[in-house]
PDB file of all heavy atoms in Angstrom:
ATOM      1  N   ASN A   1     -30.962 -25.351 -54.622  1.00  0.00           N
ATOM      2  CA  ASN A   1     -32.127 -26.107 -54.162  1.00  0.00           C
ATOM      3  C   ASN A   1     -32.652 -25.536 -52.868  1.00  0.00           C
ATOM      4  O   ASN A   1     -33.578 -26.036 -52.316  1.00  0.00           O
ATOM      5  CB  ASN A   1     -31.791 -27.592 -54.013  1.00  0.00           C
ATOM      6  CG  ASN A   1     -31.602 -28.188 -55.408  1.00  0.00           C
ATOM      7  OD1 ASN A   1     -32.111 -27.754 -56.392  1.00  0.00           O
ATOM      8  ND2 ASN A   1     -30.841 -29.263 -55.383  1.00  0.00           N
ATOM      9  N   GLY A   2     -32.016 -24.576 -52.312  1.00  0.00           N
ATOM     10  CA  GLY A   2     -32.555 -23.943 -51.031  1.00  0.00           C
ATOM     11  C   GLY A   2     -31.950 -24.517 -49.739  1.00  0.00           C
ATOM     12  O   GLY A   2     -32.463 -24.091 -48.763  1.00  0.00           O
ATOM     13  N   TYR A   3     -31.168 -25.513 -49.953  1.00  0.00           N
ATOM     14  CA  TYR A   3     -30.628 -26.125 -48.549  1.00  0.00           C
ATOM     15  C   TYR A   3     -29.915 -25.144 -47.750  1.00  0.00           C
ATOM     16  O   TYR A   3     -30.120 -25.060 -46.522  1.00  0.00           O
ATOM     17  CB  TYR A   3     -29.758 -27.369 -48.829  1.00  0.00           C
ATOM     18  CG  TYR A   3     -29.465 -28.085 -47.731  1.00  0.00           C
ATOM     19  CD1 TYR A   3     -30.341 -28.817 -46.904  1.00  0.00           C
ATOM     20  CD2 TYR A   3     -28.188 -28.201 -47.205  1.00  0.00           C
ATOM     21  CE1 TYR A   3     -30.024 -29.426 -45.770  1.00  0.00           C
ATOM     22  CE2 TYR A   3     -27.722 -28.877 -46.110  1.00  0.00           C
ATOM     23  CZ  TYR A   3     -28.792 -29.588 -45.341  1.00  0.00           C
ATOM     24  OH  TYR A   3     -28.434 -30.230 -44.216  1.00  0.00           O
ATOM     25  N   LEU A   4     -29.131 -24.210 -48.336  1.00  0.00           N
ATOM     26  CA  LEU A   4     -28.297 -23.326 -47.611  1.00  0.00           C
ATOM     27  C   LEU A   4     -29.295 -22.305 -46.898  1.00  0.00           C
ATOM     28  O   LEU A   4     -28.994 -21.835 -45.786  1.00  0.00           O
ATOM     29  CB  LEU A   4     -27.303 -22.605 -48.439  1.00  0.00           C
ATOM     30  CG  LEU A   4     -26.295 -21.742 -47.797  1.00  0.00           C
ATOM     31  CD1 LEU A   4     -25.441 -22.603 -46.812  1.00  0.00           C
ATOM     32  CD2 LEU A   4     -25.374 -21.075 -48.872  1.00  0.00           C
ATOM     33  N   ARG A   5     -30.353 -21.912 -47.694  1.00  0.00           N
ATOM     34  CA  ARG A   5     -31.337 -20.969 -47.051  1.00  0.00           C
ATOM     35  C   ARG A   5     -32.055 -21.777 -45.895  1.00  0.00           C
ATOM     36  O   ARG A   5     -32.321 -21.089 -44.893  1.00  0.00           O
ATOM     37  CB  ARG A   5     -32.420 -20.629 -48.121  1.00  0.00           C
ATOM     38  CG  ARG A   5     -31.965 -19.485 -49.016  1.00  0.00           C
ATOM     39  CD  ARG A   5     -33.098 -19.011 -49.841  1.00  0.00           C
ATOM     40  NE  ARG A   5     -33.706 -20.099 -50.550  1.00  0.00           N
ATOM     41  CZ  ARG A   5     -33.680 -20.410 -51.931  1.00  0.00           C
ATOM     42  NH1 ARG A   5     -32.826 -19.591 -52.612  1.00  0.00           N
ATOM     43  NH2 ARG A   5     -34.315 -21.433 -52.398  1.00  0.00           N
ATOM     44  N   TYR A   6     -32.323 -23.004 -46.046  1.00  0.00           N
ATOM     45  CA  TYR A   6     -32.970 -23.825 -44.910  1.00  0.00           C
ATOM     46  C   TYR A   6     -31.946 -23.726 -43.731  1.00  0.00           C
ATOM     47  O   TYR A   6     -32.475 -23.494 -42.557  1.00  0.00           O
ATOM     48  CB  TYR A   6     -33.146 -25.245 -45.383  1.00  0.00           C
ATOM     49  CG  TYR A   6     -33.395 -26.227 -44.200  1.00  0.00           C
ATOM     50  CD1 TYR A   6     -34.671 -26.161 -43.649  1.00  0.00           C
ATOM     51  CD2 TYR A   6     -32.507 -27.054 -43.800  1.00  0.00           C
ATOM     52  CE1 TYR A   6     -34.919 -26.968 -42.564  1.00  0.00           C
ATOM     53  CE2 TYR A   6     -32.720 -27.904 -42.762  1.00  0.00           C
ATOM     54  CZ  TYR A   6     -33.976 -27.923 -42.104  1.00  0.00           C
ATOM     55  OH  TYR A   6     -34.242 -28.701 -41.048  1.00  0.00           O
ATOM     56  N   LEU A   7     -30.755 -23.961 -43.942  1.00  0.00           N
ATOM     57  CA  LEU A   7     -29.798 -23.962 -42.790  1.00  0.00           C
ATOM     58  C   LEU A   7     -29.645 -22.539 -42.172  1.00  0.00           C
ATOM     59  O   LEU A   7     -29.720 -22.396 -40.881  1.00  0.00           O
ATOM     60  CB  LEU A   7     -28.359 -24.280 -43.162  1.00  0.00           C
ATOM     61  CG  LEU A   7     -28.131 -25.744 -43.637  1.00  0.00           C
ATOM     62  CD1 LEU A   7     -26.665 -25.949 -44.039  1.00  0.00           C
ATOM     63  CD2 LEU A   7     -28.460 -26.668 -42.452  1.00  0.00           C
ATOM     64  N   SER A   8     -29.731 -21.519 -42.896  1.00  0.00           N
ATOM     65  CA  SER A   8     -29.719 -20.260 -42.416  1.00  0.00           C
ATOM     66  C   SER A   8     -30.939 -19.821 -41.583  1.00  0.00           C
ATOM     67  O   SER A   8     -30.891 -19.275 -40.509  1.00  0.00           O
ATOM     68  CB  SER A   8     -29.535 -19.202 -43.564  1.00  0.00           C
ATOM     69  OG  SER A   8     -28.351 -19.329 -44.153  1.00  0.00           O
ATOM     70  N   HIS A   9     -32.099 -20.280 -42.198  1.00  0.00           N
ATOM     71  CA  HIS A   9     -33.370 -20.101 -41.408  1.00  0.00           C
ATOM     72  C   HIS A   9     -33.393 -20.892 -40.082  1.00  0.00           C
ATOM     73  O   HIS A   9     -33.749 -20.313 -39.037  1.00  0.00           O
ATOM     74  CB  HIS A   9     -34.423 -20.584 -42.355  1.00  0.00           C
ATOM     75  CG  HIS A   9     -35.867 -20.372 -41.760  1.00  0.00           C
ATOM     76  ND1 HIS A   9     -36.355 -19.206 -41.530  1.00  0.00           N
ATOM     77  CD2 HIS A   9     -36.756 -21.286 -41.326  1.00  0.00           C
ATOM     78  CE1 HIS A   9     -37.597 -19.208 -40.991  1.00  0.00           C
ATOM     79  NE2 HIS A   9     -37.781 -20.554 -40.913  1.00  0.00           N
ATOM     80  N   ARG A  10     -32.859 -22.028 -40.057  1.00  0.00           N
ATOM     81  CA  ARG A  10     -32.799 -22.874 -38.880  1.00  0.00           C
ATOM     82  C   ARG A  10     -31.890 -22.108 -37.818  1.00  0.00           C
ATOM     83  O   ARG A  10     -32.253 -22.043 -36.621  1.00  0.00           O
ATOM     84  CB  ARG A  10     -32.320 -24.256 -39.167  1.00  0.00           C
ATOM     85  CG  ARG A  10     -33.263 -25.121 -39.816  1.00  0.00           C
ATOM     86  CD  ARG A  10     -34.223 -25.889 -38.958  1.00  0.00           C
ATOM     87  NE  ARG A  10     -33.574 -26.686 -37.960  1.00  0.00           N
ATOM     88  CZ  ARG A  10     -34.029 -26.989 -36.711  1.00  0.00           C
ATOM     89  NH1 ARG A  10     -35.241 -26.567 -36.455  1.00  0.00           N
ATOM     90  NH2 ARG A  10     -33.449 -27.728 -35.928  1.00  0.00           N
ATOM     91  N   GLN A  11     -30.810 -21.642 -38.277  1.00  0.00           N
ATOM     92  CA  GLN A  11     -29.799 -20.939 -37.384  1.00  0.00           C
ATOM     93  C   GLN A  11     -30.460 -19.764 -36.792  1.00  0.00           C
ATOM     94  O   GLN A  11     -30.397 -19.449 -35.602  1.00  0.00           O
ATOM     95  CB  GLN A  11     -28.511 -20.591 -38.183  1.00  0.00           C
ATOM     96  CG  GLN A  11     -27.642 -21.723 -38.251  1.00  0.00           C
ATOM     97  CD  GLN A  11     -26.228 -21.216 -38.877  1.00  0.00           C
ATOM     98  OE1 GLN A  11     -26.276 -20.576 -39.969  1.00  0.00           O
ATOM     99  NE2 GLN A  11     -25.227 -21.633 -38.359  1.00  0.00           N
ATOM    100  N   ASP A  12     -31.216 -18.950 -37.621  1.00  0.00           N
ATOM    101  CA  ASP A  12     -31.902 -17.778 -37.122  1.00  0.00           C
ATOM    102  C   ASP A  12     -32.989 -18.136 -36.097  1.00  0.00           C
ATOM    103  O   ASP A  12     -33.004 -17.466 -35.028  1.00  0.00           O
ATOM    104  CB  ASP A  12     -32.528 -16.981 -38.283  1.00  0.00           C
ATOM    105  CG  ASP A  12     -31.477 -16.451 -39.299  1.00  0.00           C
ATOM    106  OD1 ASP A  12     -30.228 -16.323 -38.920  1.00  0.00           O
ATOM    107  OD2 ASP A  12     -31.807 -16.071 -40.412  1.00  0.00           O
ATOM    108  N   LEU A  13     -33.726 -19.146 -36.365  1.00  0.00           N
ATOM    109  CA  LEU A  13     -34.734 -19.612 -35.454  1.00  0.00           C
ATOM    110  C   LEU A  13     -34.080 -20.010 -34.115  1.00  0.00           C
ATOM    111  O   LEU A  13     -34.756 -19.714 -33.002  1.00  0.00           O
ATOM    112  CB  LEU A  13     -35.609 -20.735 -36.040  1.00  0.00           C
ATOM    113  CG  LEU A  13     -36.522 -20.287 -37.121  1.00  0.00           C
ATOM    114  CD1 LEU A  13     -37.295 -21.488 -37.775  1.00  0.00           C
ATOM    115  CD2 LEU A  13     -37.605 -19.185 -36.581  1.00  0.00           C
ATOM    116  N   LEU A  14     -33.084 -20.857 -34.176  1.00  0.00           N
ATOM    117  CA  LEU A  14     -32.431 -21.377 -33.009  1.00  0.00           C
ATOM    118  C   LEU A  14     -31.822 -20.246 -32.141  1.00  0.00           C
ATOM    119  O   LEU A  14     -32.063 -20.271 -30.986  1.00  0.00           O
ATOM    120  CB  LEU A  14     -31.357 -22.431 -33.231  1.00  0.00           C
ATOM    121  CG  LEU A  14     -31.866 -23.719 -33.732  1.00  0.00           C
ATOM    122  CD1 LEU A  14     -30.652 -24.630 -34.171  1.00  0.00           C
ATOM    123  CD2 LEU A  14     -32.649 -24.403 -32.655  1.00  0.00           C
ATOM    124  N   THR A  15     -31.294 -19.249 -32.771  1.00  0.00           N
ATOM    125  CA  THR A  15     -30.714 -18.077 -32.147  1.00  0.00           C
ATOM    126  C   THR A  15     -31.718 -17.307 -31.384  1.00  0.00           C
ATOM    127  O   THR A  15     -31.587 -16.805 -30.266  1.00  0.00           O
ATOM    128  CB  THR A  15     -29.846 -17.237 -33.061  1.00  0.00           C
ATOM    129  OG1 THR A  15     -28.862 -18.049 -33.752  1.00  0.00           O
ATOM    130  CG2 THR A  15     -29.214 -16.099 -32.439  1.00  0.00           C
ATOM    131  N   ALA A  16     -32.856 -17.114 -32.071  1.00  0.00           N
ATOM    132  CA  ALA A  16     -34.023 -16.374 -31.446  1.00  0.00           C
ATOM    133  C   ALA A  16     -34.562 -17.105 -30.302  1.00  0.00           C
ATOM    134  O   ALA A  16     -34.919 -16.556 -29.283  1.00  0.00           O
ATOM    135  CB  ALA A  16     -35.124 -16.120 -32.600  1.00  0.00           C
ATOM    136  N   ARG A  17     -34.622 -18.382 -30.459  1.00  0.00           N
ATOM    137  CA  ARG A  17     -35.267 -19.219 -29.354  1.00  0.00           C
ATOM    138  C   ARG A  17     -34.305 -19.149 -28.136  1.00  0.00           C
ATOM    139  O   ARG A  17     -34.767 -19.116 -26.943  1.00  0.00           O
ATOM    140  CB  ARG A  17     -35.551 -20.676 -29.791  1.00  0.00           C
ATOM    141  CG  ARG A  17     -36.020 -21.580 -28.738  1.00  0.00           C
ATOM    142  CD  ARG A  17     -37.463 -21.267 -28.433  1.00  0.00           C
ATOM    143  NE  ARG A  17     -37.939 -22.252 -27.388  1.00  0.00           N
ATOM    144  CZ  ARG A  17     -38.665 -21.893 -26.376  1.00  0.00           C
ATOM    145  NH1 ARG A  17     -39.113 -20.665 -26.265  1.00  0.00           N
ATOM    146  NH2 ARG A  17     -39.019 -22.805 -25.399  1.00  0.00           N
ATOM    147  N   ILE A  18     -33.048 -19.244 -28.399  1.00  0.00           N
ATOM    148  CA  ILE A  18     -32.052 -19.204 -27.308  1.00  0.00           C
ATOM    149  C   ILE A  18     -32.148 -17.790 -26.547  1.00  0.00           C
ATOM    150  O   ILE A  18     -32.117 -17.734 -25.370  1.00  0.00           O
ATOM    151  CB  ILE A  18     -30.604 -19.451 -27.886  1.00  0.00           C
ATOM    152  CG1 ILE A  18     -30.470 -20.947 -28.137  1.00  0.00           C
ATOM    153  CG2 ILE A  18     -29.591 -19.049 -26.781  1.00  0.00           C
ATOM    154  CD1 ILE A  18     -29.173 -21.241 -28.967  1.00  0.00           C
ATOM    155  N   THR A  19     -32.268 -16.781 -27.391  1.00  0.00           N
ATOM    156  CA  THR A  19     -32.373 -15.409 -26.766  1.00  0.00           C
ATOM    157  C   THR A  19     -33.709 -15.340 -25.838  1.00  0.00           C
ATOM    158  O   THR A  19     -33.640 -14.756 -24.865  1.00  0.00           O
ATOM    159  CB  THR A  19     -32.408 -14.425 -27.817  1.00  0.00           C
ATOM    160  OG1 THR A  19     -31.251 -14.417 -28.691  1.00  0.00           O
ATOM    161  CG2 THR A  19     -32.403 -12.994 -27.294  1.00  0.00           C
ATOM    162  N   ASN A  20     -34.760 -15.906 -26.385  1.00  0.00           N
ATOM    163  CA  ASN A  20     -36.025 -15.967 -25.668  1.00  0.00           C
ATOM    164  C   ASN A  20     -35.833 -16.724 -24.381  1.00  0.00           C
ATOM    165  O   ASN A  20     -36.361 -16.348 -23.342  1.00  0.00           O
ATOM    166  CB  ASN A  20     -37.170 -16.566 -26.504  1.00  0.00           C
ATOM    167  CG  ASN A  20     -38.383 -16.491 -25.926  1.00  0.00           C
ATOM    168  OD1 ASN A  20     -38.623 -15.877 -24.816  1.00  0.00           O
ATOM    169  ND2 ASN A  20     -39.426 -17.122 -26.630  1.00  0.00           N
ATOM    170  N   LEU A  21     -35.167 -17.852 -24.383  1.00  0.00           N
ATOM    171  CA  LEU A  21     -34.975 -18.671 -23.228  1.00  0.00           C
ATOM    172  C   LEU A  21     -34.061 -17.892 -22.199  1.00  0.00           C
ATOM    173  O   LEU A  21     -34.316 -18.092 -20.942  1.00  0.00           O
ATOM    174  CB  LEU A  21     -34.338 -19.964 -23.641  1.00  0.00           C
ATOM    175  CG  LEU A  21     -35.286 -20.947 -24.225  1.00  0.00           C
ATOM    176  CD1 LEU A  21     -34.498 -22.258 -24.728  1.00  0.00           C
ATOM    177  CD2 LEU A  21     -36.341 -21.402 -23.398  1.00  0.00           C
ATOM    178  N   LYS A  22     -33.044 -17.162 -22.728  1.00  0.00           N
ATOM    179  CA  LYS A  22     -32.232 -16.451 -21.678  1.00  0.00           C
ATOM    180  C   LYS A  22     -33.066 -15.374 -21.114  1.00  0.00           C
ATOM    181  O   LYS A  22     -32.953 -15.140 -19.757  1.00  0.00           O
ATOM    182  CB  LYS A  22     -31.061 -15.795 -22.490  1.00  0.00           C
ATOM    183  CG  LYS A  22     -30.021 -16.628 -22.865  1.00  0.00           C
ATOM    184  CD  LYS A  22     -28.883 -15.937 -23.683  1.00  0.00           C
ATOM    185  CE  LYS A  22     -27.844 -17.008 -24.109  1.00  0.00           C
ATOM    186  NZ  LYS A  22     -26.652 -16.384 -24.849  1.00  0.00           N
ATOM    187  N   GLU A  23     -33.965 -14.735 -21.712  1.00  0.00           N
ATOM    188  CA  GLU A  23     -34.852 -13.828 -21.111  1.00  0.00           C
ATOM    189  C   GLU A  23     -35.767 -14.521 -20.082  1.00  0.00           C
ATOM    190  O   GLU A  23     -36.006 -13.917 -18.954  1.00  0.00           O
ATOM    191  CB  GLU A  23     -35.791 -13.019 -22.056  1.00  0.00           C
ATOM    192  CG  GLU A  23     -34.941 -12.185 -23.007  1.00  0.00           C
ATOM    193  CD  GLU A  23     -34.270 -11.055 -22.189  1.00  0.00           C
ATOM    194  OE1 GLU A  23     -34.942 -10.490 -21.212  1.00  0.00           O
ATOM    195  OE2 GLU A  23     -33.060 -10.765 -22.420  1.00  0.00           O
ATOM    196  N   GLN A  24     -36.301 -15.626 -20.343  1.00  0.00           N
ATOM    197  CA  GLN A  24     -37.115 -16.426 -19.473  1.00  0.00           C
ATOM    198  C   GLN A  24     -36.348 -16.822 -18.241  1.00  0.00           C
ATOM    199  O   GLN A  24     -36.810 -16.761 -17.089  1.00  0.00           O
ATOM    200  CB  GLN A  24     -37.696 -17.679 -20.200  1.00  0.00           C
ATOM    201  CG  GLN A  24     -38.867 -17.386 -21.074  1.00  0.00           C
ATOM    202  CD  GLN A  24     -39.334 -18.754 -21.750  1.00  0.00           C
ATOM    203  OE1 GLN A  24     -38.944 -19.818 -21.294  1.00  0.00           O
ATOM    204  NE2 GLN A  24     -40.153 -18.597 -22.719  1.00  0.00           N
ATOM    205  N   ALA A  25     -35.175 -17.268 -18.403  1.00  0.00           N
ATOM    206  CA  ALA A  25     -34.258 -17.674 -17.358  1.00  0.00           C
ATOM    207  C   ALA A  25     -34.061 -16.349 -16.365  1.00  0.00           C
ATOM    208  O   ALA A  25     -33.985 -16.577 -15.154  1.00  0.00           O
ATOM    209  CB  ALA A  25     -32.947 -18.214 -17.826  1.00  0.00           C
ATOM    210  N   LYS A  26     -33.825 -15.334 -16.892  1.00  0.00           N
ATOM    211  CA  LYS A  26     -33.592 -14.042 -16.080  1.00  0.00           C
ATOM    212  C   LYS A  26     -34.765 -13.841 -15.248  1.00  0.00           C
ATOM    213  O   LYS A  26     -34.812 -13.536 -14.111  1.00  0.00           O
ATOM    214  CB  LYS A  26     -33.301 -12.735 -16.929  1.00  0.00           C
ATOM    215  CG  LYS A  26     -31.954 -12.810 -17.553  1.00  0.00           C
ATOM    216  CD  LYS A  26     -31.667 -11.559 -18.350  1.00  0.00           C
ATOM    217  CE  LYS A  26     -30.392 -11.654 -19.035  1.00  0.00           C
ATOM    218  NZ  LYS A  26     -30.221 -10.334 -19.882  1.00  0.00           N
ATOM    219  N   THR A  27     -36.011 -14.032 -15.894  1.00  0.00           N
ATOM    220  CA  THR A  27     -37.301 -13.722 -15.115  1.00  0.00           C
ATOM    221  C   THR A  27     -37.381 -14.687 -13.996  1.00  0.00           C
ATOM    222  O   THR A  27     -37.808 -14.282 -12.955  1.00  0.00           O
ATOM    223  CB  THR A  27     -38.437 -13.850 -16.128  1.00  0.00           C
ATOM    224  OG1 THR A  27     -38.271 -12.907 -17.172  1.00  0.00           O
ATOM    225  CG2 THR A  27     -39.770 -13.477 -15.473  1.00  0.00           C
ATOM    226  N   VAL A  28     -37.183 -16.014 -14.384  1.00  0.00           N
ATOM    227  CA  VAL A  28     -37.418 -17.083 -13.210  1.00  0.00           C
ATOM    228  C   VAL A  28     -36.225 -16.866 -12.182  1.00  0.00           C
ATOM    229  O   VAL A  28     -36.563 -16.943 -10.993  1.00  0.00           O
ATOM    230  CB  VAL A  28     -37.210 -18.533 -13.927  1.00  0.00           C
ATOM    231  CG1 VAL A  28     -37.110 -19.515 -12.783  1.00  0.00           C
ATOM    232  CG2 VAL A  28     -38.336 -18.705 -14.888  1.00  0.00           C
ATOM    233  N   GLN A  29     -35.067 -16.435 -12.571  1.00  0.00           N
ATOM    234  CA  GLN A  29     -34.035 -16.153 -11.501  1.00  0.00           C
ATOM    235  C   GLN A  29     -34.492 -15.015 -10.530  1.00  0.00           C
ATOM    236  O   GLN A  29     -34.296 -15.054  -9.418  1.00  0.00           O
ATOM    237  CB  GLN A  29     -32.696 -15.813 -12.128  1.00  0.00           C
ATOM    238  CG  GLN A  29     -32.029 -17.090 -12.740  1.00  0.00           C
ATOM    239  CD  GLN A  29     -30.779 -16.758 -13.558  1.00  0.00           C
ATOM    240  OE1 GLN A  29     -30.587 -15.654 -14.043  1.00  0.00           O
ATOM    241  NE2 GLN A  29     -29.839 -17.686 -13.673  1.00  0.00           N
ATOM    242  N   ALA A  30     -35.101 -13.957 -11.164  1.00  0.00           N
ATOM    243  CA  ALA A  30     -35.465 -12.874 -10.267  1.00  0.00           C
ATOM    244  C   ALA A  30     -36.784 -13.314  -9.352  1.00  0.00           C
ATOM    245  O   ALA A  30     -36.662 -12.890  -8.238  1.00  0.00           O
ATOM    246  CB  ALA A  30     -36.025 -11.760 -11.234  1.00  0.00           C
ATOM    247  N   GLU A  31     -37.603 -14.101  -9.859  1.00  0.00           N
ATOM    248  CA  GLU A  31     -38.684 -14.610  -9.096  1.00  0.00           C
ATOM    249  C   GLU A  31     -38.086 -15.590  -7.944  1.00  0.00           C
ATOM    250  O   GLU A  31     -38.590 -15.413  -6.855  1.00  0.00           O
ATOM    251  CB  GLU A  31     -39.685 -15.428  -9.927  1.00  0.00           C
ATOM    252  CG  GLU A  31     -40.494 -14.661 -10.943  1.00  0.00           C
ATOM    253  CD  GLU A  31     -41.280 -15.488 -11.743  1.00  0.00           C
ATOM    254  OE1 GLU A  31     -41.283 -16.796 -11.721  1.00  0.00           O
ATOM    255  OE2 GLU A  31     -41.987 -14.892 -12.788  1.00  0.00           O
ATOM    256  N   LEU A  32     -37.125 -16.388  -8.296  1.00  0.00           N
ATOM    257  CA  LEU A  32     -36.543 -17.308  -7.341  1.00  0.00           C
ATOM    258  C   LEU A  32     -35.802 -16.462  -6.192  1.00  0.00           C
ATOM    259  O   LEU A  32     -35.861 -16.737  -5.077  1.00  0.00           O
ATOM    260  CB  LEU A  32     -35.539 -18.111  -8.058  1.00  0.00           C
ATOM    261  CG  LEU A  32     -34.826 -19.309  -7.222  1.00  0.00           C
ATOM    262  CD1 LEU A  32     -35.982 -20.175  -6.547  1.00  0.00           C
ATOM    263  CD2 LEU A  32     -33.977 -20.006  -8.120  1.00  0.00           C
ATOM    264  N   ARG A  33     -35.119 -15.350  -6.579  1.00  0.00           N
ATOM    265  CA  ARG A  33     -34.510 -14.539  -5.640  1.00  0.00           C
ATOM    266  C   ARG A  33     -35.503 -13.969  -4.642  1.00  0.00           C
ATOM    267  O   ARG A  33     -35.371 -13.892  -3.385  1.00  0.00           O
ATOM    268  CB  ARG A  33     -33.711 -13.402  -6.186  1.00  0.00           C
ATOM    269  CG  ARG A  33     -32.279 -13.688  -6.633  1.00  0.00           C
ATOM    270  CD  ARG A  33     -31.506 -12.592  -7.097  1.00  0.00           C
ATOM    271  NE  ARG A  33     -30.956 -12.898  -8.429  1.00  0.00           N
ATOM    272  CZ  ARG A  33     -31.333 -12.407  -9.551  1.00  0.00           C
ATOM    273  NH1 ARG A  33     -32.286 -11.577  -9.699  1.00  0.00           N
ATOM    274  NH2 ARG A  33     -30.760 -12.884 -10.668  1.00  0.00           N
TER     275      ARG A  33
END
């Protein structure tokens, strides 16, 4: 029924968003310094 695909898709999106946020955090830390 696609539930496992849904879970995989959600995991991929969350992982990508976390990576994006880490990059934003690095940028803000550099600006703060």
